[in-house]
């Protein structure tokens, strides 16, 4: 995982399992192999795993959708009206 591995001691084994799922689903969804599922099952029940996968997939969708449409990012505390329009 990007820089997370450099700070692995900051995360519990359950958090590292969830982060691995997020990274694999985001960078190579077909790379979510049996090892990833087995690690997740050590910490989470099936419902929790499905919920994590759904949330990860949904946020990946949001990111791709917004990137494709070049939607400007609204900083926390700002309204959409405060964000300058970009040239497409």
PDB file of N, CA and C in Angstrom:
ATOM      1  N   UNK A   1       0.841  -1.170   0.000  1.00  0.00           N
ATOM      2  CA  UNK A   1       0.000   0.000   0.000  1.00  0.00           C
ATOM      3  C   UNK A   1       0.886   1.233   0.000  1.00  0.00           C
ATOM      4  N   UNK A   2       0.439   2.233  -0.651  1.00  0.00           N
ATOM      5  CA  UNK A   2       1.234   3.426  -0.842  1.00  0.00           C
ATOM      6  C   UNK A   2       2.095   3.746   0.367  1.00  0.00           C
ATOM      7  N   UNK A   3       1.772   4.698   1.154  1.00  0.00           N
ATOM      8  CA  UNK A   3       2.588   5.067   2.309  1.00  0.00           C
ATOM      9  C   UNK A   3       2.073   4.427   3.593  1.00  0.00           C
ATOM     10  N   UNK A   4       1.001   3.691   3.492  1.00  0.00           N
ATOM     11  CA  UNK A   4       0.437   3.063   4.684  1.00  0.00           C
ATOM     12  C   UNK A   4       1.401   2.022   5.245  1.00  0.00           C
ATOM     13  N   UNK A   5       2.081   1.280   4.364  1.00  0.00           N
ATOM     14  CA  UNK A   5       3.025   0.268   4.828  1.00  0.00           C
ATOM     15  C   UNK A   5       4.140   0.865   5.677  1.00  0.00           C
ATOM     16  N   UNK A   6       4.497   2.095   5.386  1.00  0.00           N
ATOM     17  CA  UNK A   6       5.552   2.754   6.163  1.00  0.00           C
ATOM     18  C   UNK A   6       5.111   3.012   7.599  1.00  0.00           C
ATOM     19  N   UNK A   7       3.813   3.009   7.822  1.00  0.00           N
ATOM     20  CA  UNK A   7       3.264   3.298   9.144  1.00  0.00           C
ATOM     21  C   UNK A   7       2.318   2.193   9.600  1.00  0.00           C
ATOM     22  N   UNK A   8       2.622   0.965   9.214  1.00  0.00           N
ATOM     23  CA  UNK A   8       1.736  -0.165   9.508  1.00  0.00           C
ATOM     24  C   UNK A   8       1.461  -0.319  10.994  1.00  0.00           C
ATOM     25  N   UNK A   9       2.440   0.034  11.815  1.00  0.00           N
ATOM     26  CA  UNK A   9       2.270  -0.131  13.266  1.00  0.00           C
ATOM     27  C   UNK A   9       1.188   0.791  13.823  1.00  0.00           C
ATOM     28  N   UNK A  10       0.769   1.778  13.053  1.00  0.00           N
ATOM     29  CA  UNK A  10      -0.259   2.713  13.507  1.00  0.00           C
ATOM     30  C   UNK A  10      -1.674   2.133  13.357  1.00  0.00           C
ATOM     31  N   UNK A  11      -1.773   1.012  12.629  1.00  0.00           N
ATOM     32  CA  UNK A  11      -3.072   0.424  12.340  1.00  0.00           C
ATOM     33  C   UNK A  11      -3.191  -0.950  12.987  1.00  0.00           C
ATOM     34  N   UNK A  12      -4.397  -1.291  13.386  1.00  0.00           N
ATOM     35  CA  UNK A  12      -4.643  -2.640  13.889  1.00  0.00           C
ATOM     36  C   UNK A  12      -4.629  -3.600  12.707  1.00  0.00           C
ATOM     37  N   UNK A  13      -4.569  -4.889  12.980  1.00  0.00           N
ATOM     38  CA  UNK A  13      -4.595  -5.856  11.880  1.00  0.00           C
ATOM     39  C   UNK A  13      -5.934  -5.804  11.147  1.00  0.00           C
ATOM     40  N   UNK A  14      -7.013  -5.503  11.857  1.00  0.00           N
ATOM     41  CA  UNK A  14      -8.323  -5.360  11.204  1.00  0.00           C
ATOM     42  C   UNK A  14      -8.325  -4.156  10.264  1.00  0.00           C
ATOM     43  N   UNK A  15      -7.754  -3.048  10.714  1.00  0.00           N
ATOM     44  CA  UNK A  15      -7.685  -1.851   9.863  1.00  0.00           C
ATOM     45  C   UNK A  15      -6.814  -2.110   8.636  1.00  0.00           C
ATOM     46  N   UNK A  16      -5.695  -2.820   8.819  1.00  0.00           N
ATOM     47  CA  UNK A  16      -4.830  -3.129   7.674  1.00  0.00           C
ATOM     48  C   UNK A  16      -5.553  -4.023   6.673  1.00  0.00           C
ATOM     49  N   UNK A  17      -6.361  -4.962   7.162  1.00  0.00           N
ATOM     50  CA  UNK A  17      -7.135  -5.825   6.262  1.00  0.00           C
ATOM     51  C   UNK A  17      -8.130  -4.995   5.450  1.00  0.00           C
ATOM     52  N   UNK A  18      -8.808  -4.060   6.117  1.00  0.00           N
ATOM     53  CA  UNK A  18      -9.772  -3.198   5.424  1.00  0.00           C
ATOM     54  C   UNK A  18      -9.066  -2.287   4.422  1.00  0.00           C
ATOM     55  N   UNK A  19      -7.910  -1.753   4.799  1.00  0.00           N
ATOM     56  CA  UNK A  19      -7.156  -0.891   3.895  1.00  0.00           C
ATOM     57  C   UNK A  19      -6.648  -1.673   2.678  1.00  0.00           C
ATOM     58  N   UNK A  20      -6.267  -2.917   2.883  1.00  0.00           N
ATOM     59  CA  UNK A  20      -5.839  -3.751   1.760  1.00  0.00           C
ATOM     60  C   UNK A  20      -6.985  -3.944   0.784  1.00  0.00           C
ATOM     61  N   UNK A  21      -8.177  -4.226   1.310  1.00  0.00           N
ATOM     62  CA  UNK A  21      -9.352  -4.367   0.435  1.00  0.00           C
ATOM     63  C   UNK A  21      -9.575  -3.082  -0.352  1.00  0.00           C
ATOM     64  N   UNK A  22      -9.523  -1.942   0.326  1.00  0.00           N
ATOM     65  CA  UNK A  22      -9.749  -0.658  -0.345  1.00  0.00           C
ATOM     66  C   UNK A  22      -8.723  -0.426  -1.444  1.00  0.00           C
ATOM     67  N   UNK A  23      -7.463  -0.693  -1.142  1.00  0.00           N
ATOM     68  CA  UNK A  23      -6.430  -0.468  -2.153  1.00  0.00           C
ATOM     69  C   UNK A  23      -6.606  -1.409  -3.350  1.00  0.00           C
ATOM     70  N   UNK A  24      -6.850  -2.681  -3.077  1.00  0.00           N
ATOM     71  CA  UNK A  24      -7.012  -3.630  -4.181  1.00  0.00           C
ATOM     72  C   UNK A  24      -8.230  -3.296  -5.030  1.00  0.00           C
ATOM     73  N   UNK A  25      -9.356  -2.985  -4.395  1.00  0.00           N
ATOM     74  CA  UNK A  25     -10.554  -2.641  -5.166  1.00  0.00           C
ATOM     75  C   UNK A  25     -10.328  -1.392  -6.001  1.00  0.00           C
ATOM     76  N   UNK A  26      -9.523  -0.474  -5.511  1.00  0.00           N
ATOM     77  CA  UNK A  26      -9.295   0.791  -6.195  1.00  0.00           C
ATOM     78  C   UNK A  26      -8.284   0.663  -7.324  1.00  0.00           C
ATOM     79  N   UNK A  27      -7.238  -0.114  -7.121  1.00  0.00           N
ATOM     80  CA  UNK A  27      -6.161  -0.176  -8.110  1.00  0.00           C
ATOM     81  C   UNK A  27      -6.232  -1.381  -9.029  1.00  0.00           C
ATOM     82  N   UNK A  28      -6.813  -2.488  -8.559  1.00  0.00           N
ATOM     83  CA  UNK A  28      -6.885  -3.714  -9.362  1.00  0.00           C
ATOM     84  C   UNK A  28      -7.954  -4.624  -8.766  1.00  0.00           C
ATOM     85  N   UNK A  29      -9.207  -4.360  -9.102  1.00  0.00           N
ATOM     86  CA  UNK A  29     -10.317  -5.091  -8.485  1.00  0.00           C
ATOM     87  C   UNK A  29     -10.196  -6.603  -8.656  1.00  0.00           C
ATOM     88  N   UNK A  30      -9.630  -7.048  -9.756  1.00  0.00           N
ATOM     89  CA  UNK A  30      -9.445  -8.487  -9.942  1.00  0.00           C
ATOM     90  C   UNK A  30      -8.334  -9.036  -9.048  1.00  0.00           C
ATOM     91  N   UNK A  31      -7.592  -8.160  -8.415  1.00  0.00           N
ATOM     92  CA  UNK A  31      -6.531  -8.567  -7.506  1.00  0.00           C
ATOM     93  C   UNK A  31      -7.019  -8.836  -6.089  1.00  0.00           C
ATOM     94  N   UNK A  32      -8.323  -8.723  -5.877  1.00  0.00           N
ATOM     95  CA  UNK A  32      -8.892  -9.065  -4.566  1.00  0.00           C
ATOM     96  C   UNK A  32      -8.994 -10.586  -4.545  1.00  0.00           C
ATOM     97  N   UNK A  33      -7.944 -11.220  -4.037  1.00  0.00           N
ATOM     98  CA  UNK A  33      -7.844 -12.677  -4.087  1.00  0.00           C
ATOM     99  C   UNK A  33      -8.275 -13.330  -2.776  1.00  0.00           C
ATOM    100  N   UNK A  34      -8.159 -14.643  -2.725  1.00  0.00           N
ATOM    101  CA  UNK A  34      -8.586 -15.388  -1.543  1.00  0.00           C
ATOM    102  C   UNK A  34      -7.820 -14.987  -0.288  1.00  0.00           C
ATOM    103  N   UNK A  35      -6.583 -14.595  -0.440  1.00  0.00           N
ATOM    104  CA  UNK A  35      -5.793 -14.154   0.716  1.00  0.00           C
ATOM    105  C   UNK A  35      -6.409 -12.909   1.344  1.00  0.00           C
ATOM    106  N   UNK A  36      -6.859 -11.978   0.500  1.00  0.00           N
ATOM    107  CA  UNK A  36      -7.501 -10.756   1.004  1.00  0.00           C
ATOM    108  C   UNK A  36      -8.792 -11.115   1.733  1.00  0.00           C
ATOM    109  N   UNK A  37      -9.621 -11.982   1.109  1.00  0.00           N
ATOM    110  CA  UNK A  37     -10.896 -12.366   1.736  1.00  0.00           C
ATOM    111  C   UNK A  37     -10.651 -13.097   3.049  1.00  0.00           C
ATOM    112  N   UNK A  38      -9.670 -13.984   3.074  1.00  0.00           N
ATOM    113  CA  UNK A  38      -9.378 -14.741   4.300  1.00  0.00           C
ATOM    114  C   UNK A  38      -8.947 -13.809   5.422  1.00  0.00           C
ATOM    115  N   UNK A  39      -8.115 -12.838   5.096  1.00  0.00           N
ATOM    116  CA  UNK A  39      -7.665 -11.874   6.104  1.00  0.00           C
ATOM    117  C   UNK A  39      -8.849 -11.067   6.632  1.00  0.00           C
ATOM    118  N   UNK A  40      -9.738 -10.654   5.749  1.00  0.00           N
ATOM    119  CA  UNK A  40     -10.926  -9.911   6.180  1.00  0.00           C
ATOM    120  C   UNK A  40     -11.803 -10.755   7.099  1.00  0.00           C
ATOM    121  N   UNK A  41     -11.977 -12.045   6.768  1.00  0.00           N
ATOM    122  CA  UNK A  41     -12.847 -12.923   7.557  1.00  0.00           C
ATOM    123  C   UNK A  41     -12.304 -13.168   8.964  1.00  0.00           C
ATOM    124  N   UNK A  42     -11.015 -12.934   9.163  1.00  0.00           N
ATOM    125  CA  UNK A  42     -10.450 -13.071  10.511  1.00  0.00           C
ATOM    126  C   UNK A  42     -10.930 -11.959  11.433  1.00  0.00           C
ATOM    127  N   UNK A  43     -11.385 -10.849  10.844  1.00  0.00           N
ATOM    128  CA  UNK A  43     -11.733  -9.672  11.641  1.00  0.00           C
ATOM    129  C   UNK A  43     -13.185  -9.226  11.508  1.00  0.00           C
ATOM    130  N   UNK A  44     -13.826  -9.585  10.411  1.00  0.00           N
ATOM    131  CA  UNK A  44     -15.158  -9.065  10.122  1.00  0.00           C
ATOM    132  C   UNK A  44     -16.098 -10.192   9.715  1.00  0.00           C
ATOM    133  N   UNK A  45     -17.396  -9.996   9.963  1.00  0.00           N
ATOM    134  CA  UNK A  45     -18.363 -10.984   9.478  1.00  0.00           C
ATOM    135  C   UNK A  45     -18.723 -10.654   8.028  1.00  0.00           C
ATOM    136  N   UNK A  46     -19.475 -11.542   7.399  1.00  0.00           N
ATOM    137  CA  UNK A  46     -19.786 -11.375   5.970  1.00  0.00           C
ATOM    138  C   UNK A  46     -20.519 -10.070   5.691  1.00  0.00           C
ATOM    139  N   UNK A  47     -21.445  -9.686   6.555  1.00  0.00           N
ATOM    140  CA  UNK A  47     -22.183  -8.442   6.358  1.00  0.00           C
ATOM    141  C   UNK A  47     -21.275  -7.225   6.394  1.00  0.00           C
ATOM    142  N   UNK A  48     -20.341  -7.222   7.313  1.00  0.00           N
ATOM    143  CA  UNK A  48     -19.398  -6.101   7.409  1.00  0.00           C
ATOM    144  C   UNK A  48     -18.502  -6.031   6.184  1.00  0.00           C
ATOM    145  N   UNK A  49     -18.084  -7.188   5.693  1.00  0.00           N
ATOM    146  CA  UNK A  49     -17.224  -7.218   4.500  1.00  0.00           C
ATOM    147  C   UNK A  49     -17.981  -6.698   3.282  1.00  0.00           C
ATOM    148  N   UNK A  50     -19.231  -7.132   3.127  1.00  0.00           N
ATOM    149  CA  UNK A  50     -20.052  -6.655   2.005  1.00  0.00           C
ATOM    150  C   UNK A  50     -20.264  -5.150   2.118  1.00  0.00           C
ATOM    151  N   UNK A  51     -20.511  -4.668   3.328  1.00  0.00           N
ATOM    152  CA  UNK A  51     -20.712  -3.227   3.519  1.00  0.00           C
ATOM    153  C   UNK A  51     -19.446  -2.451   3.163  1.00  0.00           C
ATOM    154  N   UNK A  52     -18.287  -2.940   3.585  1.00  0.00           N
ATOM    155  CA  UNK A  52     -17.027  -2.267   3.230  1.00  0.00           C
ATOM    156  C   UNK A  52     -16.840  -2.249   1.722  1.00  0.00           C
ATOM    157  N   UNK A  53     -17.064  -3.388   1.074  1.00  0.00           N
ATOM    158  CA  UNK A  53     -16.895  -3.454  -0.383  1.00  0.00           C
ATOM    159  C   UNK A  53     -17.853  -2.500  -1.087  1.00  0.00           C
ATOM    160  N   UNK A  54     -19.080  -2.402  -0.590  1.00  0.00           N
ATOM    161  CA  UNK A  54     -20.056  -1.497  -1.202  1.00  0.00           C
ATOM    162  C   UNK A  54     -19.628  -0.040  -1.052  1.00  0.00           C
ATOM    163  N   UNK A  55     -19.170   0.332   0.126  1.00  0.00           N
ATOM    164  CA  UNK A  55     -18.743   1.722   0.367  1.00  0.00           C
ATOM    165  C   UNK A  55     -17.510   2.048  -0.480  1.00  0.00           C
ATOM    166  N   UNK A  56     -16.554   1.127  -0.524  1.00  0.00           N
ATOM    167  CA  UNK A  56     -15.351   1.346  -1.339  1.00  0.00           C
ATOM    168  C   UNK A  56     -15.728   1.509  -2.804  1.00  0.00           C
ATOM    169  N   UNK A  57     -16.583   0.627  -3.296  1.00  0.00           N
ATOM    170  CA  UNK A  57     -17.018   0.711  -4.688  1.00  0.00           C
ATOM    171  C   UNK A  57     -17.763   2.005  -4.981  1.00  0.00           C
ATOM    172  N   UNK A  58     -18.608   2.429  -4.057  1.00  0.00           N
ATOM    173  CA  UNK A  58     -19.375   3.658  -4.247  1.00  0.00           C
ATOM    174  C   UNK A  58     -18.456   4.876  -4.311  1.00  0.00           C
ATOM    175  N   UNK A  59     -17.486   4.935  -3.413  1.00  0.00           N
ATOM    176  CA  UNK A  59     -16.584   6.084  -3.433  1.00  0.00           C
ATOM    177  C   UNK A  59     -15.655   6.046  -4.639  1.00  0.00           C
ATOM    178  N   UNK A  60     -15.291   4.865  -5.106  1.00  0.00           N
ATOM    179  CA  UNK A  60     -14.523   4.783  -6.352  1.00  0.00           C
ATOM    180  C   UNK A  60     -15.360   5.316  -7.517  1.00  0.00           C
ATOM    181  N   UNK A  61     -16.642   4.976  -7.515  1.00  0.00           N
ATOM    182  CA  UNK A  61     -17.550   5.503  -8.546  1.00  0.00           C
ATOM    183  C   UNK A  61     -17.608   7.032  -8.473  1.00  0.00           C
ATOM    184  N   UNK A  62     -17.830   7.569  -7.268  1.00  0.00           N
ATOM    185  CA  UNK A  62     -17.894   9.026  -7.121  1.00  0.00           C
ATOM    186  C   UNK A  62     -16.631   9.687  -7.667  1.00  0.00           C
ATOM    187  N   UNK A  63     -15.476   9.136  -7.318  1.00  0.00           N
ATOM    188  CA  UNK A  63     -14.211   9.723  -7.766  1.00  0.00           C
ATOM    189  C   UNK A  63     -14.080   9.682  -9.283  1.00  0.00           C
ATOM    190  N   UNK A  64     -14.389   8.556  -9.892  1.00  0.00           N
ATOM    191  CA  UNK A  64     -14.277   8.453 -11.357  1.00  0.00           C
ATOM    192  C   UNK A  64     -15.276   9.361 -12.060  1.00  0.00           C
ATOM    193  N   UNK A  65     -16.499   9.405 -11.550  1.00  0.00           N
ATOM    194  CA  UNK A  65     -17.536  10.260 -12.116  1.00  0.00           C
ATOM    195  C   UNK A  65     -17.104  11.729 -12.054  1.00  0.00           C
ATOM    196  N   UNK A  66     -16.679  12.170 -10.884  1.00  0.00           N
ATOM    197  CA  UNK A  66     -16.263  13.563 -10.711  1.00  0.00           C
ATOM    198  C   UNK A  66     -15.015  13.892 -11.512  1.00  0.00           C
ATOM    199  N   UNK A  67     -14.071  12.952 -11.575  1.00  0.00           N
ATOM    200  CA  UNK A  67     -12.870  13.180 -12.382  1.00  0.00           C
ATOM    201  C   UNK A  67     -13.217  13.313 -13.863  1.00  0.00           C
ATOM    202  N   UNK A  68     -14.084  12.451 -14.360  1.00  0.00           N
ATOM    203  CA  UNK A  68     -14.457  12.487 -15.773  1.00  0.00           C
ATOM    204  C   UNK A  68     -15.156  13.793 -16.142  1.00  0.00           C
ATOM    205  N   UNK A  69     -15.977  14.281 -15.226  1.00  0.00           N
ATOM    206  CA  UNK A  69     -16.702  15.525 -15.481  1.00  0.00           C
ATOM    207  C   UNK A  69     -15.939  16.765 -15.020  1.00  0.00           C
ATOM    208  N   UNK A  70     -14.739  16.546 -14.490  1.00  0.00           N
ATOM    209  CA  UNK A  70     -13.889  17.650 -13.998  1.00  0.00           C
ATOM    210  C   UNK A  70     -14.637  18.529 -12.994  1.00  0.00           C
ATOM    211  N   UNK A  71     -15.327  17.866 -12.067  1.00  0.00           N
ATOM    212  CA  UNK A  71     -16.062  18.577 -11.029  1.00  0.00           C
ATOM    213  C   UNK A  71     -15.055  19.147 -10.040  1.00  0.00           C
ATOM    214  N   UNK A  72     -15.089  20.459  -9.788  1.00  0.00           N
ATOM    215  CA  UNK A  72     -14.136  21.044  -8.841  1.00  0.00           C
ATOM    216  C   UNK A  72     -14.421  20.566  -7.417  1.00  0.00           C
ATOM    217  N   UNK A  73     -13.383  20.461  -6.633  1.00  0.00           N
ATOM    218  CA  UNK A  73     -13.512  20.031  -5.250  1.00  0.00           C
ATOM    219  C   UNK A  73     -13.935  21.230  -4.404  1.00  0.00           C
ATOM    220  N   UNK A  74     -14.950  21.028  -3.580  1.00  0.00           N
ATOM    221  CA  UNK A  74     -15.406  22.056  -2.668  1.00  0.00           C
ATOM    222  C   UNK A  74     -14.683  21.856  -1.337  1.00  0.00           C
ATOM    223  N   UNK A  75     -13.877  22.815  -0.919  1.00  0.00           N
ATOM    224  CA  UNK A  75     -13.162  22.669   0.356  1.00  0.00           C
ATOM    225  C   UNK A  75     -14.131  22.578   1.531  1.00  0.00           C
ATOM    226  N   UNK A  76     -13.740  21.896   2.599  1.00  0.00           N
ATOM    227  CA  UNK A  76     -14.607  21.826   3.782  1.00  0.00           C
ATOM    228  C   UNK A  76     -14.976  23.225   4.263  1.00  0.00           C
ATOM    229  N   UNK A  77     -16.225  23.422   4.590  1.00  0.00           N
ATOM    230  CA  UNK A  77     -16.691  24.707   5.095  1.00  0.00           C
ATOM    231  C   UNK A  77     -17.089  25.691   4.015  1.00  0.00           C
ATOM    232  N   UNK A  78     -16.783  25.387   2.758  1.00  0.00           N
ATOM    233  CA  UNK A  78     -17.145  26.286   1.655  1.00  0.00           C
ATOM    234  C   UNK A  78     -18.425  25.776   0.998  1.00  0.00           C
ATOM    235  N   UNK A  79     -19.102  26.665   0.332  1.00  0.00           N
ATOM    236  CA  UNK A  79     -20.266  26.240  -0.445  1.00  0.00           C
ATOM    237  C   UNK A  79     -19.835  26.086  -1.896  1.00  0.00           C
ATOM    238  N   UNK A  80     -20.633  25.413  -2.670  1.00  0.00           N
ATOM    239  CA  UNK A  80     -20.317  25.219  -4.086  1.00  0.00           C
ATOM    240  C   UNK A  80     -20.166  26.559  -4.799  1.00  0.00           C
ATOM    241  N   UNK A  81     -20.865  27.582  -4.324  1.00  0.00           N
ATOM    242  CA  UNK A  81     -20.790  28.901  -4.947  1.00  0.00           C
ATOM    243  C   UNK A  81     -19.417  29.537  -4.748  1.00  0.00           C
ATOM    244  N   UNK A  82     -18.676  29.087  -3.718  1.00  0.00           N
ATOM    245  CA  UNK A  82     -17.351  29.639  -3.432  1.00  0.00           C
ATOM    246  C   UNK A  82     -16.250  29.055  -4.319  1.00  0.00           C
ATOM    247  N   UNK A  83     -16.559  27.974  -5.027  1.00  0.00           N
ATOM    248  CA  UNK A  83     -15.552  27.280  -5.844  1.00  0.00           C
ATOM    249  C   UNK A  83     -15.558  27.879  -7.242  1.00  0.00           C
ATOM    250  N   UNK A  84     -14.412  28.371  -7.709  1.00  0.00           N
ATOM    251  CA  UNK A  84     -14.381  28.947  -9.066  1.00  0.00           C
ATOM    252  C   UNK A  84     -14.595  27.858 -10.123  1.00  0.00           C
ATOM    253  N   UNK A  85     -15.265  28.246 -11.197  1.00  0.00           N
ATOM    254  CA  UNK A  85     -15.477  27.320 -12.297  1.00  0.00           C
ATOM    255  C   UNK A  85     -14.176  27.109 -13.034  1.00  0.00           C
ATOM    256  N   UNK A  86     -14.000  25.897 -13.580  1.00  0.00           N
ATOM    257  CA  UNK A  86     -12.805  25.605 -14.358  1.00  0.00           C
ATOM    258  C   UNK A  86     -13.179  25.511 -15.815  1.00  0.00           C
ATOM    259  N   UNK A  87     -12.219  25.789 -16.675  1.00  0.00           N
ATOM    260  CA  UNK A  87     -12.442  25.632 -18.106  1.00  0.00           C
ATOM    261  C   UNK A  87     -12.304  24.167 -18.459  1.00  0.00           C
ATOM    262  N   UNK A  88     -13.262  23.644 -19.177  1.00  0.00           N
ATOM    263  CA  UNK A  88     -13.220  22.214 -19.559  1.00  0.00           C
ATOM    264  C   UNK A  88     -12.622  22.038 -20.914  1.00  0.00           C
TER     265      UNK A  88
END
